[in-house]
Amino acid sequence: MKSGPQRRATMRLVRTLKDAGRLEDVDHAEVEAAKGLAQSVDENPANASLWKEYRAQIQRLRELHGDHDDTLDNLIASLSTPVGDSSTG
């Protein structure tokens, strides 16, 4: 399975959260949901409903086991990829 930009960004987020001690074994289902939604968004980038679910899941991950952290928000913002068709210039 080829990893698209949202899946890669989600994996970076998961690694960052783990390194910060913000993910525990009990969070496995939340992590897998985020990975699955990221893959779905990569495969169907025009599906607004998928984007809504994906963004909500990412927000849930960010809120697990920690206070709101601007440093993490800045990192996540830097991992985001623009939506749209880059071939239309």
Protein backbone atom coordinates (compact mmCIF):
# COMPACT_ATOMS: atom_id res chain seq x y z
CA MET A 1 0.00 0.00 0.00
CA LYS A 2 1.45 3.35 -1.06
CA SER A 3 1.52 5.97 1.67
CA GLY A 4 0.04 9.33 0.68
CA PRO A 5 0.65 12.76 2.21
CA GLN A 6 -2.04 12.58 4.87
CA ARG A 7 -0.99 9.10 5.97
CA ARG A 8 2.64 10.24 6.22
CA ALA A 9 1.60 13.35 8.16
CA THR A 10 -0.48 11.21 10.51
CA MET A 11 2.44 8.87 11.11
CA ARG A 12 4.68 11.87 11.94
CA LEU A 13 2.02 13.15 14.33
CA VAL A 14 1.78 9.75 16.04
CA ARG A 15 5.57 9.60 16.44
CA THR A 16 5.63 13.12 17.85
CA LEU A 17 2.85 12.37 20.31
CA LYS A 18 4.58 9.15 21.40
CA ASP A 19 7.89 10.96 21.86
CA ALA A 20 6.11 13.57 23.97
CA GLY A 21 4.54 10.85 26.13
CA ARG A 22 1.05 11.76 24.94
CA LEU A 23 0.09 8.33 23.57
CA GLU A 24 -0.30 5.13 25.54
CA ASP A 25 -1.08 1.53 24.58
CA VAL A 26 -4.74 2.15 25.40
CA ASP A 27 -4.85 4.71 22.54
CA HIS A 28 -4.21 2.11 19.84
CA ALA A 29 -7.77 2.25 18.47
CA GLU A 30 -7.64 6.05 18.16
CA VAL A 31 -4.31 5.84 16.34
CA GLU A 32 -5.54 3.16 13.94
CA ALA A 33 -8.70 5.17 13.21
CA ALA A 34 -6.55 8.18 12.33
CA LYS A 35 -4.32 6.09 10.05
CA GLY A 36 -7.32 4.56 8.29
CA LEU A 37 -8.99 7.91 7.76
CA ALA A 38 -5.71 9.39 6.50
CA GLN A 39 -5.44 6.58 3.95
CA SER A 40 -9.06 7.13 2.89
CA VAL A 41 -8.48 10.86 2.45
CA ASP A 42 -5.35 10.18 0.39
CA GLU A 43 -7.35 7.83 -1.84
CA ASN A 44 -10.40 10.15 -2.08
CA PRO A 45 -9.15 13.73 -1.60
CA ALA A 46 -12.32 15.30 -3.03
CA ASN A 47 -14.55 13.68 -0.39
CA ALA A 48 -15.38 16.47 2.05
CA SER A 49 -17.07 14.09 4.47
CA LEU A 50 -13.86 12.07 4.83
CA TRP A 51 -11.87 15.25 5.43
CA LYS A 52 -14.28 16.25 8.19
CA GLU A 53 -13.92 12.88 9.94
CA TYR A 54 -10.15 12.87 9.46
CA ARG A 55 -9.70 16.34 10.94
CA ALA A 56 -11.91 15.44 13.91
CA GLN A 57 -9.88 12.28 14.54
CA ILE A 58 -6.60 14.20 14.35
CA GLN A 59 -8.00 16.68 16.86
CA ARG A 60 -8.92 13.80 19.20
CA LEU A 61 -5.38 12.46 18.98
CA ARG A 62 -3.95 15.89 19.74
CA GLU A 63 -6.10 16.18 22.84
CA LEU A 64 -5.16 12.80 24.36
CA HIS A 65 -3.31 12.82 27.68
CA GLY A 66 -2.04 16.35 27.67
CA ASP A 67 -2.67 20.02 27.92
CA HIS A 68 -3.02 22.15 24.84
CA ASP A 69 0.49 22.81 23.54
CA ASP A 70 1.28 25.56 21.03
CA THR A 71 4.56 23.86 20.11
CA LEU A 72 2.69 20.76 19.04
CA ASP A 73 0.13 22.89 17.18
CA ASN A 74 2.95 24.57 15.26
CA LEU A 75 4.48 21.21 14.35
CA ILE A 76 1.14 19.87 13.19
CA ALA A 77 0.52 22.98 11.10
CA SER A 78 3.88 22.47 9.42
CA LEU A 79 2.91 18.88 8.53
CA SER A 80 -0.34 19.87 6.84
CA THR A 81 -0.61 19.61 3.10
CA PRO A 82 -2.76 21.87 0.96
CA VAL A 83 -5.98 20.53 -0.50
CA GLY A 84 -6.56 20.81 -4.22
CA ASP A 85 -5.31 19.75 -7.58
CA SER A 86 -1.75 20.97 -7.99
CA SER A 87 -1.77 20.06 -11.68
CA THR A 88 -4.15 22.90 -12.56
CA GLY A 89 -1.49 25.55 -11.69
